[in-house]
Every structure is written in structure tokens, then in C-alpha cells.
């Protein structure tokens, strides 16, 4: 039985993904690494392509750092009351729910 990753480990994986996406963005478009950073929607830092890139990078980072495969682009994610990509905190919370 696998142990559950800590919230800090999950957030670290998300921040790794943010770092990877930020490497592709101009300095003024980079995503701040803070839990309350809005990712999509009003005031969000990502367009649709950026959101897809963050999803892919987050899935990779979670698998590399936590040893668990997740799917952030499925129908379940889209049907959440609060969209997982609303903010960095909501993304980390959603990943936590997937890993339980």
C-alpha cells in the first residue's frame, strides 16, 4: 500500500510544473508561485494553451516526484464544482483528492 503524499509534496510538484511552464513564457507572463495565484478565468495567468501545458507538466511532475500517475484532463476534472485550474491551491487540492 502506498503512503499518501503530504500537501507540501503535492504543492512542490505543482510548483515544479509551474517552473517548467514559466520557462516557455516571457517574464511578464510568468505564473507566480503562490497558492492563491489565479490560473484560469477572470484574472487568470493562463490562456487555453497555457492551461494544457500546465496540465501536462503537472501530470509529469506528480508521476516523477510522487510516483503516482494522474489524469487532470478528464471529464471528472471538468465536472468539479470549483474547477481544478482556478488557482494553484485548487489544483493542489484536486490532486490530493485524486491520490486518496
PDB file of N, CA and C in Angstrom:
ATOM      1  N   UNK A   1       0.843  -1.196   0.000  1.00  0.00           N
ATOM      2  CA  UNK A   1       0.000   0.000   0.000  1.00  0.00           C
ATOM      3  C   UNK A   1       0.880   1.249   0.000  1.00  0.00           C
ATOM      4  N   UNK A   2       0.586   2.176  -0.903  1.00  0.00           N
ATOM      5  CA  UNK A   2       1.365   3.403  -0.998  1.00  0.00           C
ATOM      6  C   UNK A   2       0.914   4.392   0.068  1.00  0.00           C
ATOM      7  N   UNK A   3       1.881   5.147   0.570  1.00  0.00           N
ATOM      8  CA  UNK A   3       1.524   6.199   1.513  1.00  0.00           C
ATOM      9  C   UNK A   3       1.026   7.408   0.738  1.00  0.00           C
ATOM     10  N   UNK A   4       0.192   8.168   1.395  1.00  0.00           N
ATOM     11  CA  UNK A   4      -0.331   9.382   0.751  1.00  0.00           C
ATOM     12  C   UNK A   4       0.720  10.476   0.800  1.00  0.00           C
ATOM     13  N   UNK A   5       0.913  11.158  -0.324  1.00  0.00           N
ATOM     14  CA  UNK A   5       1.848  12.283  -0.331  1.00  0.00           C
ATOM     15  C   UNK A   5       1.332  13.406   0.571  1.00  0.00           C
ATOM     16  N   UNK A   6       2.242  14.135   1.161  1.00  0.00           N
ATOM     17  CA  UNK A   6       1.857  15.258   2.008  1.00  0.00           C
ATOM     18  C   UNK A   6       1.375  16.412   1.143  1.00  0.00           C
ATOM     19  N   UNK A   7       0.583  17.319   1.726  1.00  0.00           N
ATOM     20  CA  UNK A   7       0.178  18.508   0.967  1.00  0.00           C
ATOM     21  C   UNK A   7       1.393  19.302   0.473  1.00  0.00           C
ATOM     22  N   UNK A   8       2.458  19.333   1.249  1.00  0.00           N
ATOM     23  CA  UNK A   8       3.671  20.058   0.845  1.00  0.00           C
ATOM     24  C   UNK A   8       4.320  19.408  -0.371  1.00  0.00           C
ATOM     25  N   UNK A   9       4.317  18.065  -0.414  1.00  0.00           N
ATOM     26  CA  UNK A   9       4.896  17.358  -1.559  1.00  0.00           C
ATOM     27  C   UNK A   9       4.064  17.581  -2.813  1.00  0.00           C
ATOM     28  N   UNK A  10       2.760  17.604  -2.657  1.00  0.00           N
ATOM     29  CA  UNK A  10       1.880  17.859  -3.803  1.00  0.00           C
ATOM     30  C   UNK A  10       2.081  19.273  -4.322  1.00  0.00           C
ATOM     31  N   UNK A  11       2.145  20.236  -3.417  1.00  0.00           N
ATOM     32  CA  UNK A  11       2.366  21.623  -3.824  1.00  0.00           C
ATOM     33  C   UNK A  11       3.733  21.767  -4.497  1.00  0.00           C
ATOM     34  N   UNK A  12       4.734  21.074  -4.001  1.00  0.00           N
ATOM     35  CA  UNK A  12       6.065  21.126  -4.620  1.00  0.00           C
ATOM     36  C   UNK A  12       6.015  20.593  -6.054  1.00  0.00           C
ATOM     37  N   UNK A  13       5.248  19.539  -6.292  1.00  0.00           N
ATOM     38  CA  UNK A  13       5.110  19.009  -7.653  1.00  0.00           C
ATOM     39  C   UNK A  13       4.417  20.024  -8.565  1.00  0.00           C
ATOM     40  N   UNK A  14       3.392  20.688  -8.039  1.00  0.00           N
ATOM     41  CA  UNK A  14       2.710  21.730  -8.825  1.00  0.00           C
ATOM     42  C   UNK A  14       3.681  22.865  -9.139  1.00  0.00           C
ATOM     43  N   UNK A  15       4.478  23.268  -8.150  1.00  0.00           N
ATOM     44  CA  UNK A  15       5.456  24.335  -8.384  1.00  0.00           C
ATOM     45  C   UNK A  15       6.513  23.926  -9.406  1.00  0.00           C
ATOM     46  N   UNK A  16       6.883  22.656  -9.432  1.00  0.00           N
ATOM     47  CA  UNK A  16       7.806  22.169 -10.461  1.00  0.00           C
ATOM     48  C   UNK A  16       7.180  22.357 -11.834  1.00  0.00           C
ATOM     49  N   UNK A  17       5.904  22.014 -11.958  1.00  0.00           N
ATOM     50  CA  UNK A  17       5.198  22.193 -13.229  1.00  0.00           C
ATOM     51  C   UNK A  17       5.135  23.672 -13.608  1.00  0.00           C
ATOM     52  N   UNK A  18       4.860  24.529 -12.632  1.00  0.00           N
ATOM     53  CA  UNK A  18       4.817  25.980 -12.898  1.00  0.00           C
ATOM     54  C   UNK A  18       6.182  26.453 -13.391  1.00  0.00           C
ATOM     55  N   UNK A  19       7.248  25.981 -12.760  1.00  0.00           N
ATOM     56  CA  UNK A  19       8.598  26.362 -13.200  1.00  0.00           C
ATOM     57  C   UNK A  19       8.827  25.965 -14.655  1.00  0.00           C
ATOM     58  N   UNK A  20       8.397  24.772 -15.015  1.00  0.00           N
ATOM     59  CA  UNK A  20       8.586  24.292 -16.388  1.00  0.00           C
ATOM     60  C   UNK A  20       7.782  25.118 -17.382  1.00  0.00           C
ATOM     61  N   UNK A  21       6.541  25.441 -17.037  1.00  0.00           N
ATOM     62  CA  UNK A  21       5.725  26.274 -17.926  1.00  0.00           C
ATOM     63  C   UNK A  21       6.316  27.680 -18.010  1.00  0.00           C
ATOM     64  N   UNK A  22       6.782  28.211 -16.883  1.00  0.00           N
ATOM     65  CA  UNK A  22       7.358  29.558 -16.875  1.00  0.00           C
ATOM     66  C   UNK A  22       8.570  29.677 -17.791  1.00  0.00           C
ATOM     67  N   UNK A  23       9.295  28.588 -18.004  1.00  0.00           N
ATOM     68  CA  UNK A  23      10.448  28.612 -18.907  1.00  0.00           C
ATOM     69  C   UNK A  23      10.032  28.919 -20.343  1.00  0.00           C
ATOM     70  N   UNK A  24       8.775  28.680 -20.668  1.00  0.00           N
ATOM     71  CA  UNK A  24       8.287  28.908 -22.025  1.00  0.00           C
ATOM     72  C   UNK A  24       7.612  30.273 -22.186  1.00  0.00           C
ATOM     73  N   UNK A  25       7.461  31.000 -21.076  1.00  0.00           N
ATOM     74  CA  UNK A  25       6.738  32.271 -21.091  1.00  0.00           C
ATOM     75  C   UNK A  25       7.696  33.448 -20.987  1.00  0.00           C
ATOM     76  N   UNK A  26       7.268  34.581 -21.507  1.00  0.00           N
ATOM     77  CA  UNK A  26       8.044  35.798 -21.328  1.00  0.00           C
ATOM     78  C   UNK A  26       7.965  36.223 -19.866  1.00  0.00           C
ATOM     79  N   UNK A  27       8.948  36.980 -19.380  1.00  0.00           N
ATOM     80  CA  UNK A  27       8.963  37.351 -17.961  1.00  0.00           C
ATOM     81  C   UNK A  27       7.665  37.991 -17.458  1.00  0.00           C
ATOM     82  N   UNK A  28       7.037  38.815 -18.264  1.00  0.00           N
ATOM     83  CA  UNK A  28       5.813  39.486 -17.815  1.00  0.00           C
ATOM     84  C   UNK A  28       4.598  38.559 -17.769  1.00  0.00           C
ATOM     85  N   UNK A  29       4.685  37.395 -18.402  1.00  0.00           N
ATOM     86  CA  UNK A  29       3.562  36.446 -18.421  1.00  0.00           C
ATOM     87  C   UNK A  29       3.743  35.284 -17.454  1.00  0.00           C
ATOM     88  N   UNK A  30       4.865  35.239 -16.758  1.00  0.00           N
ATOM     89  CA  UNK A  30       5.148  34.103 -15.874  1.00  0.00           C
ATOM     90  C   UNK A  30       4.150  34.001 -14.728  1.00  0.00           C
ATOM     91  N   UNK A  31       3.926  32.771 -14.302  1.00  0.00           N
ATOM     92  CA  UNK A  31       2.955  32.460 -13.260  1.00  0.00           C
ATOM     93  C   UNK A  31       3.629  32.582 -11.899  1.00  0.00           C
ATOM     94  N   UNK A  32       3.109  33.416 -11.009  1.00  0.00           N
ATOM     95  CA  UNK A  32       3.668  33.491  -9.655  1.00  0.00           C
ATOM     96  C   UNK A  32       3.420  32.185  -8.895  1.00  0.00           C
ATOM     97  N   UNK A  33       4.422  31.755  -8.153  1.00  0.00           N
ATOM     98  CA  UNK A  33       4.285  30.516  -7.379  1.00  0.00           C
ATOM     99  C   UNK A  33       3.750  30.854  -5.993  1.00  0.00           C
ATOM    100  N   UNK A  34       2.429  30.894  -5.902  1.00  0.00           N
ATOM    101  CA  UNK A  34       1.733  31.156  -4.639  1.00  0.00           C
ATOM    102  C   UNK A  34       0.391  30.436  -4.698  1.00  0.00           C
ATOM    103  N   UNK A  35      -0.072  29.885  -3.579  1.00  0.00           N
ATOM    104  CA  UNK A  35      -1.334  29.140  -3.589  1.00  0.00           C
ATOM    105  C   UNK A  35      -2.521  29.916  -4.148  1.00  0.00           C
ATOM    106  N   UNK A  36      -2.573  31.221  -3.916  1.00  0.00           N
ATOM    107  CA  UNK A  36      -3.733  31.995  -4.358  1.00  0.00           C
ATOM    108  C   UNK A  36      -3.614  32.518  -5.799  1.00  0.00           C
ATOM    109  N   UNK A  37      -2.575  32.126  -6.516  1.00  0.00           N
ATOM    110  CA  UNK A  37      -2.411  32.562  -7.904  1.00  0.00           C
ATOM    111  C   UNK A  37      -3.533  32.004  -8.765  1.00  0.00           C
ATOM    112  N   UNK A  38      -4.264  32.901  -9.428  1.00  0.00           N
ATOM    113  CA  UNK A  38      -5.346  32.502 -10.339  1.00  0.00           C
ATOM    114  C   UNK A  38      -4.715  31.965 -11.621  1.00  0.00           C
ATOM    115  N   UNK A  39      -5.191  30.824 -12.063  1.00  0.00           N
ATOM    116  CA  UNK A  39      -4.642  30.214 -13.269  1.00  0.00           C
ATOM    117  C   UNK A  39      -5.525  30.461 -14.482  1.00  0.00           C
ATOM    118  N   UNK A  40      -6.834  30.216 -14.361  1.00  0.00           N
ATOM    119  CA  UNK A  40      -7.756  30.448 -15.479  1.00  0.00           C
ATOM    120  C   UNK A  40      -8.915  31.303 -14.988  1.00  0.00           C
ATOM    121  N   UNK A  41      -9.709  31.771 -15.928  1.00  0.00           N
ATOM    122  CA  UNK A  41     -10.855  32.610 -15.568  1.00  0.00           C
ATOM    123  C   UNK A  41     -10.434  34.053 -15.377  1.00  0.00           C
ATOM    124  N   UNK A  42     -11.317  34.826 -14.772  1.00  0.00           N
ATOM    125  CA  UNK A  42     -11.057  36.253 -14.558  1.00  0.00           C
ATOM    126  C   UNK A  42      -9.783  36.438 -13.742  1.00  0.00           C
ATOM    127  N   UNK A  43      -8.856  37.199 -14.289  1.00  0.00           N
ATOM    128  CA  UNK A  43      -7.597  37.457 -13.602  1.00  0.00           C
ATOM    129  C   UNK A  43      -6.606  36.313 -13.684  1.00  0.00           C
ATOM    130  N   UNK A  44      -6.926  35.295 -14.477  1.00  0.00           N
ATOM    131  CA  UNK A  44      -6.046  34.144 -14.604  1.00  0.00           C
ATOM    132  C   UNK A  44      -4.813  34.435 -15.440  1.00  0.00           C
ATOM    133  N   UNK A  45      -3.765  33.675 -15.188  1.00  0.00           N
ATOM    134  CA  UNK A  45      -2.496  33.859 -15.878  1.00  0.00           C
ATOM    135  C   UNK A  45      -2.344  33.017 -17.141  1.00  0.00           C
ATOM    136  N   UNK A  46      -3.278  32.072 -17.362  1.00  0.00           N
ATOM    137  CA  UNK A  46      -3.113  31.147 -18.476  1.00  0.00           C
ATOM    138  C   UNK A  46      -4.216  31.270 -19.524  1.00  0.00           C
ATOM    139  N   UNK A  47      -3.808  31.188 -20.788  1.00  0.00           N
ATOM    140  CA  UNK A  47      -4.781  31.019 -21.866  1.00  0.00           C
ATOM    141  C   UNK A  47      -4.993  29.517 -22.026  1.00  0.00           C
ATOM    142  N   UNK A  48      -5.761  29.112 -23.010  1.00  0.00           N
ATOM    143  CA  UNK A  48      -6.087  27.691 -23.144  1.00  0.00           C
ATOM    144  C   UNK A  48      -4.850  26.835 -23.401  1.00  0.00           C
ATOM    145  N   UNK A  49      -3.930  27.303 -24.225  1.00  0.00           N
ATOM    146  CA  UNK A  49      -2.706  26.546 -24.484  1.00  0.00           C
ATOM    147  C   UNK A  49      -1.845  26.457 -23.225  1.00  0.00           C
ATOM    148  N   UNK A  50      -1.765  27.542 -22.486  1.00  0.00           N
ATOM    149  CA  UNK A  50      -1.014  27.530 -21.237  1.00  0.00           C
ATOM    150  C   UNK A  50      -1.607  26.571 -20.230  1.00  0.00           C
ATOM    151  N   UNK A  51      -2.940  26.486 -20.195  1.00  0.00           N
ATOM    152  CA  UNK A  51      -3.608  25.557 -19.282  1.00  0.00           C
ATOM    153  C   UNK A  51      -3.281  24.111 -19.654  1.00  0.00           C
ATOM    154  N   UNK A  52      -3.291  23.809 -20.945  1.00  0.00           N
ATOM    155  CA  UNK A  52      -2.948  22.458 -21.396  1.00  0.00           C
ATOM    156  C   UNK A  52      -1.501  22.134 -21.026  1.00  0.00           C
ATOM    157  N   UNK A  53      -0.608  23.079 -21.251  1.00  0.00           N
ATOM    158  CA  UNK A  53       0.800  22.868 -20.895  1.00  0.00           C
ATOM    159  C   UNK A  53       0.960  22.616 -19.396  1.00  0.00           C
ATOM    160  N   UNK A  54       0.251  23.384 -18.581  1.00  0.00           N
ATOM    161  CA  UNK A  54       0.351  23.189 -17.137  1.00  0.00           C
ATOM    162  C   UNK A  54      -0.209  21.825 -16.728  1.00  0.00           C
ATOM    163  N   UNK A  55      -1.296  21.397 -17.339  1.00  0.00           N
ATOM    164  CA  UNK A  55      -1.865  20.080 -17.044  1.00  0.00           C
ATOM    165  C   UNK A  55      -0.834  18.987 -17.339  1.00  0.00           C
ATOM    166  N   UNK A  56      -0.239  19.042 -18.517  1.00  0.00           N
ATOM    167  CA  UNK A  56       0.739  18.016 -18.909  1.00  0.00           C
ATOM    168  C   UNK A  56       1.938  18.036 -17.964  1.00  0.00           C
ATOM    169  N   UNK A  57       2.465  19.217 -17.697  1.00  0.00           N
ATOM    170  CA  UNK A  57       3.642  19.321 -16.827  1.00  0.00           C
ATOM    171  C   UNK A  57       3.324  18.882 -15.398  1.00  0.00           C
ATOM    172  N   UNK A  58       2.115  19.163 -14.934  1.00  0.00           N
ATOM    173  CA  UNK A  58       1.730  18.749 -13.581  1.00  0.00           C
ATOM    174  C   UNK A  58       1.611  17.234 -13.506  1.00  0.00           C
ATOM    175  N   UNK A  59       0.992  16.635 -14.499  1.00  0.00           N
ATOM    176  CA  UNK A  59       0.893  15.169 -14.520  1.00  0.00           C
ATOM    177  C   UNK A  59       2.280  14.538 -14.496  1.00  0.00           C
ATOM    178  N   UNK A  60       3.201  15.079 -15.287  1.00  0.00           N
ATOM    179  CA  UNK A  60       4.572  14.558 -15.313  1.00  0.00           C
ATOM    180  C   UNK A  60       5.272  14.746 -13.977  1.00  0.00           C
ATOM    181  N   UNK A  61       5.149  15.924 -13.389  1.00  0.00           N
ATOM    182  CA  UNK A  61       5.825  16.217 -12.117  1.00  0.00           C
ATOM    183  C   UNK A  61       5.288  15.331 -10.994  1.00  0.00           C
ATOM    184  N   UNK A  62       3.979  15.117 -10.976  1.00  0.00           N
ATOM    185  CA  UNK A  62       3.391  14.254  -9.943  1.00  0.00           C
ATOM    186  C   UNK A  62       3.930  12.836 -10.092  1.00  0.00           C
ATOM    187  N   UNK A  63       3.987  12.355 -11.324  1.00  0.00           N
ATOM    188  CA  UNK A  63       4.493  10.994 -11.527  1.00  0.00           C
ATOM    189  C   UNK A  63       5.976  10.892 -11.155  1.00  0.00           C
ATOM    190  N   UNK A  64       6.766  11.883 -11.555  1.00  0.00           N
ATOM    191  CA  UNK A  64       8.201  11.860 -11.259  1.00  0.00           C
ATOM    192  C   UNK A  64       8.479  11.992  -9.758  1.00  0.00           C
ATOM    193  N   UNK A  65       7.803  12.922  -9.110  1.00  0.00           N
ATOM    194  CA  UNK A  65       8.126  13.233  -7.720  1.00  0.00           C
ATOM    195  C   UNK A  65       7.357  12.397  -6.710  1.00  0.00           C
ATOM    196  N   UNK A  66       6.154  11.973  -7.066  1.00  0.00           N
ATOM    197  CA  UNK A  66       5.317  11.255  -6.111  1.00  0.00           C
ATOM    198  C   UNK A  66       5.093   9.799  -6.499  1.00  0.00           C
ATOM    199  N   UNK A  67       5.542   9.431  -7.694  1.00  0.00           N
ATOM    200  CA  UNK A  67       5.428   8.052  -8.135  1.00  0.00           C
ATOM    201  C   UNK A  67       4.018   7.585  -8.425  1.00  0.00           C
ATOM    202  N   UNK A  68       3.137   8.521  -8.721  1.00  0.00           N
ATOM    203  CA  UNK A  68       1.730   8.182  -8.993  1.00  0.00           C
ATOM    204  C   UNK A  68       1.301   8.864 -10.285  1.00  0.00           C
ATOM    205  N   UNK A  69       0.600   8.119 -11.127  1.00  0.00           N
ATOM    206  CA  UNK A  69       0.065   8.671 -12.369  1.00  0.00           C
ATOM    207  C   UNK A  69      -1.320   9.257 -12.105  1.00  0.00           C
ATOM    208  N   UNK A  70      -1.561  10.443 -12.626  1.00  0.00           N
ATOM    209  CA  UNK A  70      -2.875  11.081 -12.510  1.00  0.00           C
ATOM    210  C   UNK A  70      -3.302  11.586 -13.881  1.00  0.00           C
ATOM    211  N   UNK A  71      -4.604  11.853 -14.028  1.00  0.00           N
ATOM    212  CA  UNK A  71      -5.152  12.412 -15.255  1.00  0.00           C
ATOM    213  C   UNK A  71      -5.935  13.658 -14.876  1.00  0.00           C
ATOM    214  N   UNK A  72      -5.387  14.802 -15.234  1.00  0.00           N
ATOM    215  CA  UNK A  72      -6.043  16.071 -14.906  1.00  0.00           C
ATOM    216  C   UNK A  72      -6.946  16.578 -16.023  1.00  0.00           C
ATOM    217  N   UNK A  73      -6.920  15.927 -17.173  1.00  0.00           N
ATOM    218  CA  UNK A  73      -7.688  16.419 -18.310  1.00  0.00           C
ATOM    219  C   UNK A  73      -8.925  15.610 -18.617  1.00  0.00           C
ATOM    220  N   UNK A  74      -9.419  14.874 -17.650  1.00  0.00           N
ATOM    221  CA  UNK A  74     -10.585  14.042 -17.922  1.00  0.00           C
ATOM    222  C   UNK A  74     -11.886  14.759 -17.578  1.00  0.00           C
ATOM    223  N   UNK A  75     -12.982  14.080 -17.849  1.00  0.00           N
ATOM    224  CA  UNK A  75     -14.311  14.647 -17.610  1.00  0.00           C
ATOM    225  C   UNK A  75     -14.549  14.951 -16.128  1.00  0.00           C
ATOM    226  N   UNK A  76     -13.993  14.129 -15.253  1.00  0.00           N
ATOM    227  CA  UNK A  76     -14.161  14.328 -13.812  1.00  0.00           C
ATOM    228  C   UNK A  76     -13.656  15.715 -13.395  1.00  0.00           C
ATOM    229  N   UNK A  77     -12.519  16.122 -13.946  1.00  0.00           N
ATOM    230  CA  UNK A  77     -11.960  17.432 -13.611  1.00  0.00           C
ATOM    231  C   UNK A  77     -12.896  18.555 -14.051  1.00  0.00           C
ATOM    232  N   UNK A  78     -13.443  18.425 -15.235  1.00  0.00           N
ATOM    233  CA  UNK A  78     -14.324  19.463 -15.774  1.00  0.00           C
ATOM    234  C   UNK A  78     -15.635  19.571 -15.011  1.00  0.00           C
ATOM    235  N   UNK A  79     -16.029  18.492 -14.328  1.00  0.00           N
ATOM    236  CA  UNK A  79     -17.316  18.485 -13.637  1.00  0.00           C
ATOM    237  C   UNK A  79     -17.231  18.920 -12.166  1.00  0.00           C
ATOM    238  N   UNK A  80     -16.059  19.310 -11.718  1.00  0.00           N
ATOM    239  CA  UNK A  80     -15.906  19.740 -10.337  1.00  0.00           C
ATOM    240  C   UNK A  80     -16.649  21.053 -10.093  1.00  0.00           C
ATOM    241  N   UNK A  81     -17.155  21.218  -8.891  1.00  0.00           N
ATOM    242  CA  UNK A  81     -17.864  22.450  -8.526  1.00  0.00           C
ATOM    243  C   UNK A  81     -16.938  23.660  -8.686  1.00  0.00           C
ATOM    244  N   UNK A  82     -15.709  23.512  -8.208  1.00  0.00           N
ATOM    245  CA  UNK A  82     -14.666  24.521  -8.406  1.00  0.00           C
ATOM    246  C   UNK A  82     -13.661  23.895  -9.362  1.00  0.00           C
ATOM    247  N   UNK A  83     -13.416  24.543 -10.493  1.00  0.00           N
ATOM    248  CA  UNK A  83     -12.509  23.975 -11.486  1.00  0.00           C
ATOM    249  C   UNK A  83     -11.113  23.822 -10.893  1.00  0.00           C
ATOM    250  N   UNK A  84     -10.473  22.670 -11.112  1.00  0.00           N
ATOM    251  CA  UNK A  84      -9.144  22.445 -10.546  1.00  0.00           C
ATOM    252  C   UNK A  84      -8.105  23.486 -10.956  1.00  0.00           C
ATOM    253  N   UNK A  85      -8.269  24.100 -12.108  1.00  0.00           N
ATOM    254  CA  UNK A  85      -7.296  25.103 -12.546  1.00  0.00           C
ATOM    255  C   UNK A  85      -7.680  26.533 -12.172  1.00  0.00           C
ATOM    256  N   UNK A  86      -8.613  26.676 -11.256  1.00  0.00           N
ATOM    257  CA  UNK A  86      -8.966  28.028 -10.827  1.00  0.00           C
ATOM    258  C   UNK A  86      -7.760  28.727 -10.196  1.00  0.00           C
ATOM    259  N   UNK A  87      -7.030  28.006  -9.354  1.00  0.00           N
ATOM    260  CA  UNK A  87      -5.844  28.574  -8.710  1.00  0.00           C
ATOM    261  C   UNK A  87      -4.857  27.451  -8.431  1.00  0.00           C
ATOM    262  N   UNK A  88      -3.670  27.811  -8.006  1.00  0.00           N
ATOM    263  CA  UNK A  88      -2.695  26.793  -7.632  1.00  0.00           C
ATOM    264  C   UNK A  88      -3.218  25.980  -6.458  1.00  0.00           C
ATOM    265  N   UNK A  89      -3.875  26.619  -5.501  1.00  0.00           N
ATOM    266  CA  UNK A  89      -4.421  25.894  -4.346  1.00  0.00           C
ATOM    267  C   UNK A  89      -5.496  24.895  -4.761  1.00  0.00           C
ATOM    268  N   UNK A  90      -6.393  25.283  -5.668  1.00  0.00           N
ATOM    269  CA  UNK A  90      -7.440  24.348  -6.092  1.00  0.00           C
ATOM    270  C   UNK A  90      -6.847  23.186  -6.880  1.00  0.00           C
ATOM    271  N   UNK A  91      -5.783  23.446  -7.632  1.00  0.00           N
ATOM    272  CA  UNK A  91      -5.113  22.379  -8.366  1.00  0.00           C
ATOM    273  C   UNK A  91      -4.478  21.387  -7.383  1.00  0.00           C
ATOM    274  N   UNK A  92      -3.785  21.889  -6.383  1.00  0.00           N
ATOM    275  CA  UNK A  92      -3.167  21.011  -5.380  1.00  0.00           C
ATOM    276  C   UNK A  92      -4.231  20.223  -4.622  1.00  0.00           C
ATOM    277  N   UNK A  93      -5.333  20.875  -4.292  1.00  0.00           N
ATOM    278  CA  UNK A  93      -6.423  20.187  -3.577  1.00  0.00           C
ATOM    279  C   UNK A  93      -7.016  19.077  -4.442  1.00  0.00           C
ATOM    280  N   UNK A  94      -7.211  19.343  -5.719  1.00  0.00           N
ATOM    281  CA  UNK A  94      -7.765  18.334  -6.613  1.00  0.00           C
ATOM    282  C   UNK A  94      -6.808  17.142  -6.744  1.00  0.00           C
ATOM    283  N   UNK A  95      -5.534  17.422  -6.856  1.00  0.00           N
ATOM    284  CA  UNK A  95      -4.540  16.337  -6.942  1.00  0.00           C
ATOM    285  C   UNK A  95      -4.595  15.501  -5.662  1.00  0.00           C
ATOM    286  N   UNK A  96      -4.723  16.162  -4.515  1.00  0.00           N
ATOM    287  CA  UNK A  96      -4.857  15.444  -3.244  1.00  0.00           C
ATOM    288  C   UNK A  96      -6.035  14.489  -3.290  1.00  0.00           C
ATOM    289  N   UNK A  97      -7.169  14.961  -3.813  1.00  0.00           N
ATOM    290  CA  UNK A  97      -8.358  14.098  -3.875  1.00  0.00           C
ATOM    291  C   UNK A  97      -8.127  12.920  -4.828  1.00  0.00           C
ATOM    292  N   UNK A  98      -7.389  13.117  -5.908  1.00  0.00           N
ATOM    293  CA  UNK A  98      -7.114  12.027  -6.841  1.00  0.00           C
ATOM    294  C   UNK A  98      -6.209  10.973  -6.225  1.00  0.00           C
ATOM    295  N   UNK A  99      -5.308  11.396  -5.351  1.00  0.00           N
ATOM    296  CA  UNK A  99      -4.320  10.483  -4.785  1.00  0.00           C
ATOM    297  C   UNK A  99      -4.824   9.759  -3.537  1.00  0.00           C
ATOM    298  N   UNK A 100      -6.024  10.045  -3.088  1.00  0.00           N
ATOM    299  CA  UNK A 100      -6.561   9.375  -1.911  1.00  0.00           C
ATOM    300  C   UNK A 100      -7.194   8.052  -2.270  1.00  0.00           C
TER     301      UNK A 100
END
